[in-house]
Each structure stands twice: as structure tokens, then as C-alpha cells.
Amino acid sequence: MGPQRITADGGEVAQRQLPELLLLQSGNNVARLLARWDAGSQEAFVAKMNRTAADLGMTRTAYTGASGFEATTKSTADDQLKLARQAMQEPVLRAVVAMRSTTIPGVPGTVTNTNRLLEKPAVIGLKTGSSAPAGGNLMWAAEVKTATKQYLVLGVVMGQRANTTPTEGPMAALSKSAVLIEAVQNGRPTALGTSEGAAARPRCWRGTGPRPGAGAVKAPGSAGGGSPCPPYCPRPSC
């Protein structure tokens, strides 16, 4: 049997290339199509999403659509960080989110990744996602090297420049994430532990809720109040 093909917007696309359309350019229509293909309906797939979220301990997340674009879908940076950890264990997904661009037969032109941080050294993902009400959001992944080890550092920036123009939110999320990534890279090995082999610790946390888990980095100005916090701080919290 040859590669399975799925009809999308009047044309046929190889099944294995749909994740590229989904993840590089936030193809909401592709998300709904894959949901129906996997579970029979979007509603059934959303139920699977919420069960998976519960299994991952994402206690402040509720999905109401396959794409996540719906205003009724709710989550937090801490919960999305749990999802990022799980997602980056999938080799196919990890390869796709690292692509700067690709070409897909049947799709005109070049499919370019909306995550412009991939142009920076050692950034290998992950996923943008923005709307005017939600602001700019970015889940990012970067590799950081010390003298003897290489670490995968994950971060989530949410709610940047909400209710502004369609470009301001995404640009703010990319900018804030770039500052955080540079801070972690320049702060090694302190940011990853005081000695080689030490576990990564939260560096910069701001808010009134529980601190993020190990390796978490929340953006300066993130929701939750608290005192002003610089992009990087040498203590577990500030």
C-alpha cells in the first residue's frame, strides 16, 4: 500500500506532510481535519485531548476545539510547559517543529515556519499560537551546552500584547522569548545547576500561583501579578 493521502481544501496532501502544515503555519483547518480522521469527529478528538491533558497533570487546561484557537479554550504557561516536555519526546514532531520552511506537493509556494526564533543558534522549536484576545503566545525549545553536557531547555510565553494588532502580539512573544533564551544560554552553567549534572531549576518566576516545575521559564510581565522580575535572575525565584 502506498502512502495515505488526505483531501484538504480541494487537493490531496500526503498524510505524513499534514503535521508540517499544522505546526509550521498553525493550520487550524488541518487540525480539524486530522481530528476527524483520528477520532471520527472533532468533538471526540477534543475529549481525547482533555483526557491527555489530565494525564499530564494539566489541571488548569480545558480544550474546546482541535485547533486551540477557540476563545473558550483555556490554559496556563505552566500547563503548556508540561505539554512541551511530552511533545518533544516524539521524534516526528520534534523534527517538524525544527523546520524553518518546507515545500509540499499540491501546496503553492514555500511553507514558512511562523517561529522566527529558529533563525537563532540552538533554537529547535516549538510552536506559535496567537489571536487578538489571547495575545502573542510561544512555546519554545532550545539546546544549551555546558562543558560536558547538552540540555534541552523549554519555555512558554503567553498573553503578550493582547487586544492589539495581529502582528504586535506575535512579535512581542518572539521578542520576550528571545530575551529568555539568550539569558539562559549566557547564564550557563548557573542557569542549569551549580555543577555539571545538577538538575535545571526555575530561574525567573513571577506570580501568585505555584512556582513552575524544573526547567520552567516564565516571561517577564506574565500574568499573575507579583513584583517586577528581570529576564534572568540567579535565584530560584525573584
Protein backbone atom coordinates (compact mmCIF):
# COMPACT_ATOMS: atom_id res chain seq x y z
CA MET A 1 0.00 0.00 0.00
CA GLY A 2 1.36 3.44 -0.92
CA PRO A 3 1.42 6.50 1.32
CA GLN A 4 -2.04 7.53 2.50
CA ARG A 5 -3.32 10.80 1.09
CA ILE A 6 -5.96 13.07 2.57
CA THR A 7 -8.09 15.62 0.73
CA ALA A 8 -7.56 19.12 2.11
CA ASP A 9 -9.15 22.26 0.63
CA GLY A 10 -9.92 20.51 -2.63
CA GLY A 11 -6.45 18.98 -3.11
CA GLU A 12 -4.65 15.90 -1.91
CA VAL A 13 -1.78 16.01 0.58
CA ALA A 14 0.25 13.08 1.86
CA GLN A 15 -0.75 12.20 5.42
CA ARG A 16 2.84 12.46 6.64
CA GLN A 17 3.03 16.07 5.44
CA LEU A 18 -0.08 17.30 7.23
CA PRO A 19 1.84 17.83 10.52
CA GLU A 20 4.07 20.26 8.61
CA LEU A 21 1.07 22.33 7.53
CA LEU A 22 -0.34 22.09 11.05
CA LEU A 23 2.78 23.04 13.00
CA LEU A 24 4.69 25.41 10.73
CA GLN A 25 1.85 27.76 9.90
CA SER A 26 -0.82 26.96 12.51
CA GLY A 27 -3.16 25.28 10.03
CA ASN A 28 -6.37 25.32 12.04
CA ASN A 29 -8.24 23.66 9.18
CA VAL A 30 -5.65 20.87 9.19
CA ALA A 31 -6.13 20.43 12.95
CA ARG A 32 -9.86 19.91 12.44
CA LEU A 33 -9.27 17.56 9.51
CA LEU A 34 -6.82 15.41 11.47
CA ALA A 35 -9.19 15.37 14.43
CA ARG A 36 -11.95 13.90 12.29
CA TRP A 37 -9.53 11.42 10.70
CA ASP A 38 -8.24 10.24 14.09
CA ALA A 39 -11.40 10.15 16.20
CA GLY A 40 -14.32 10.37 13.77
CA SER A 41 -15.37 13.84 14.88
CA GLN A 42 -13.80 16.96 16.31
CA GLU A 43 -15.83 16.54 19.49
CA ALA A 44 -14.47 13.04 20.06
CA PHE A 45 -10.94 14.23 19.45
CA VAL A 46 -11.33 17.13 21.89
CA ALA A 47 -12.40 14.62 24.52
CA LYS A 48 -9.16 12.73 23.85
CA MET A 49 -7.22 15.99 24.15
CA ASN A 50 -8.71 16.72 27.54
CA ARG A 51 -8.04 13.18 28.78
CA THR A 52 -4.42 13.51 27.71
CA ALA A 53 -4.17 16.91 29.40
CA ALA A 54 -5.48 15.37 32.62
CA ASP A 55 -2.98 12.51 32.35
CA LEU A 56 -0.16 15.06 32.01
CA GLY A 57 -1.31 16.93 35.11
CA MET A 58 -2.52 19.98 33.15
CA THR A 59 -5.06 20.87 35.82
CA ARG A 60 -5.74 24.40 34.55
CA THR A 61 -6.37 23.47 30.93
CA ALA A 62 -9.67 22.91 29.12
CA TYR A 63 -9.73 22.35 25.36
CA THR A 64 -12.92 23.08 23.41
CA GLY A 65 -11.64 22.68 19.85
CA ALA A 66 -8.99 20.75 17.96
CA SER A 67 -7.05 23.85 16.91
CA GLY A 68 -6.91 25.60 20.28
CA PHE A 69 -7.99 28.83 18.60
CA GLU A 70 -11.39 28.93 20.27
CA ALA A 71 -11.86 31.68 22.86
CA THR A 72 -13.33 29.11 25.24
CA THR A 73 -10.10 27.07 25.31
CA LYS A 74 -8.14 27.88 28.48
CA SER A 75 -4.63 27.03 29.68
CA THR A 76 -1.61 28.39 31.53
CA ALA A 77 2.10 28.68 30.82
CA ASP A 78 2.83 26.02 33.45
CA ASP A 79 0.40 23.57 31.84
CA GLN A 80 1.73 24.24 28.35
CA LEU A 81 5.24 23.56 29.62
CA LYS A 82 4.09 20.09 30.69
CA LEU A 83 2.76 19.57 27.18
CA ALA A 84 6.04 20.79 25.66
CA ARG A 85 8.03 18.24 27.67
CA GLN A 86 5.83 15.44 26.38
CA ALA A 87 5.71 16.70 22.80
CA MET A 88 9.48 16.92 22.43
CA GLN A 89 9.74 13.20 23.19
CA GLU A 90 8.04 12.49 19.84
CA PRO A 91 10.74 12.22 17.14
CA VAL A 92 8.48 13.16 14.21
CA LEU A 93 7.05 16.20 15.96
CA ARG A 94 10.50 17.25 17.14
CA ALA A 95 11.79 17.12 13.57
CA VAL A 96 8.84 19.07 12.16
CA VAL A 97 8.93 21.95 14.67
CA ALA A 98 12.63 22.46 13.91
CA MET A 99 11.92 23.10 10.21
CA ARG A 100 12.34 26.71 9.10
CA SER A 101 10.40 26.01 5.92
CA THR A 102 9.33 23.22 3.59
CA THR A 103 7.62 22.60 0.26
CA ILE A 104 4.64 20.30 -0.05
CA PRO A 105 3.35 18.89 -3.33
CA GLY A 106 -0.05 20.38 -4.04
CA VAL A 107 0.56 23.42 -1.83
CA PRO A 108 1.71 26.55 -3.73
CA GLY A 109 5.00 28.18 -2.76
CA THR A 110 7.06 27.65 0.37
CA VAL A 111 5.51 26.83 3.72
CA THR A 112 7.44 29.01 6.20
CA ASN A 113 7.51 28.45 9.94
CA THR A 114 5.97 31.32 11.91
CA ASN A 115 8.52 30.71 14.68
CA ARG A 116 11.19 33.17 13.59
CA LEU A 117 13.38 32.23 16.55
CA LEU A 118 14.50 29.18 14.58
CA GLU A 119 16.92 31.57 12.87
CA LYS A 120 18.80 31.81 16.16
CA PRO A 121 21.57 29.31 17.02
CA ALA A 122 20.46 26.26 19.00
CA VAL A 123 16.72 27.06 18.84
CA ILE A 124 14.93 23.89 17.70
CA GLY A 125 11.20 24.64 18.14
CA LEU A 126 8.44 24.75 19.17
CA LYS A 127 5.07 26.39 18.35
CA THR A 128 3.50 29.81 17.94
CA GLY A 129 -0.16 30.50 18.62
CA SER A 130 -1.78 33.91 18.75
CA SER A 131 -5.03 35.80 18.44
CA ALA A 132 -6.07 39.34 19.31
CA PRO A 133 -7.93 38.35 22.53
CA ALA A 134 -5.24 35.88 23.67
CA GLY A 135 -2.26 37.98 22.60
CA GLY A 136 1.00 36.54 21.39
CA ASN A 137 2.00 33.10 22.64
CA LEU A 138 5.06 30.96 22.03
CA MET A 139 6.21 27.60 23.29
CA TRP A 140 9.94 27.38 22.59
CA ALA A 141 12.74 24.83 22.75
CA ALA A 142 16.48 25.46 22.71
CA GLU A 143 19.61 23.42 23.23
CA VAL A 144 22.13 24.75 25.75
CA LYS A 145 25.61 23.29 26.11
CA THR A 146 27.93 23.27 29.08
CA ALA A 147 31.46 21.89 29.12
CA THR A 148 30.29 18.28 29.37
CA LYS A 149 26.55 18.19 28.68
CA GLN A 150 23.85 19.40 26.36
CA TYR A 151 20.48 20.37 27.83
CA LEU A 152 17.08 20.80 26.24
CA VAL A 153 15.54 23.96 27.71
CA LEU A 154 11.83 24.60 27.24
CA GLY A 155 9.87 27.77 27.86
CA VAL A 156 6.40 29.21 27.37
CA VAL A 157 5.46 32.87 26.89
CA MET A 158 1.77 33.77 26.88
CA GLY A 159 -0.59 36.73 26.71
CA GLN A 160 1.75 39.26 25.10
CA ARG A 161 0.14 42.49 23.81
CA ALA A 162 -3.40 41.13 23.89
CA ASN A 163 -6.13 43.11 22.12
CA THR A 164 -3.69 44.92 19.85
CA THR A 165 -2.93 44.41 16.16
CA PRO A 166 -2.48 40.94 14.62
CA THR A 167 1.27 41.48 14.41
CA GLU A 168 2.04 43.12 17.78
CA GLY A 169 1.20 40.10 19.94
CA PRO A 170 3.24 37.53 17.99
CA MET A 171 6.20 39.90 17.69
CA ALA A 172 6.13 40.59 21.43
CA ALA A 173 6.04 36.86 22.22
CA LEU A 174 9.01 36.24 19.93
CA SER A 175 10.93 39.17 21.42
CA LYS A 176 10.34 38.15 25.05
CA SER A 177 11.24 34.55 24.26
CA ALA A 178 14.46 35.62 22.56
CA VAL A 179 15.48 37.52 25.70
CA LEU A 180 14.81 34.47 27.86
CA ILE A 181 16.70 32.10 25.57
CA GLU A 182 19.70 34.42 25.43
CA ALA A 183 19.66 34.78 29.20
CA VAL A 184 19.67 31.02 29.72
CA GLN A 185 22.40 30.49 27.13
CA ASN A 186 24.60 33.26 28.55
CA GLY A 187 23.90 32.19 32.14
CA ARG A 188 25.10 28.63 31.75
CA PRO A 189 26.03 26.63 33.73
CA THR A 190 24.43 28.68 36.55
CA ALA A 191 21.01 28.50 34.93
CA LEU A 192 21.24 24.72 34.68
CA GLY A 193 22.66 23.98 38.11
CA THR A 194 25.75 24.94 40.05
CA SER A 195 27.61 21.81 38.98
CA GLU A 196 27.66 19.57 35.94
CA GLY A 197 24.87 17.05 36.16
CA ALA A 198 22.73 19.14 38.50
CA ALA A 199 19.07 19.35 37.54
CA ALA A 200 17.78 22.51 35.94
CA ARG A 201 15.95 24.81 38.34
CA PRO A 202 13.35 27.51 37.76
CA ARG A 203 15.19 30.77 37.19
CA CYS A 204 12.79 33.60 36.74
CA TRP A 205 9.30 33.24 38.13
CA ARG A 206 6.66 35.84 38.68
CA GLY A 207 3.16 35.36 40.01
CA THR A 208 0.99 34.38 42.93
CA GLY A 209 0.40 30.75 41.95
CA PRO A 210 2.70 27.74 42.38
CA ARG A 211 6.23 28.05 41.04
CA PRO A 212 6.84 26.42 37.66
CA GLY A 213 8.37 22.96 37.55
CA ALA A 214 12.04 22.24 36.94
CA GLY A 215 13.38 23.97 33.86
CA ALA A 216 10.41 26.31 33.55
CA VAL A 217 10.93 29.89 32.49
CA LYS A 218 8.02 32.32 32.60
CA ALA A 219 8.20 35.55 30.71
CA PRO A 220 8.78 38.91 32.37
CA GLY A 221 5.41 40.60 32.63
CA SER A 222 3.49 37.32 32.61
CA ALA A 223 0.07 37.18 34.18
CA GLY A 224 -0.29 36.69 37.89
CA GLY A 225 0.97 39.89 39.46
CA GLY A 226 3.90 39.79 41.85
CA SER A 227 6.91 42.06 41.98
CA PRO A 228 8.83 43.09 38.85
CA CYS A 229 11.17 40.38 37.66
CA PRO A 230 14.11 40.73 35.26
CA PRO A 231 14.51 38.36 32.29
CA TYR A 232 17.05 36.32 34.25
CA CYS A 233 17.78 36.08 37.95
CA PRO A 234 20.38 33.99 39.76
CA ARG A 235 17.97 32.67 42.37
CA PRO A 236 15.18 30.06 42.08
CA SER A 237 12.65 32.93 42.20
CA CYS A 238 12.65 36.70 42.31
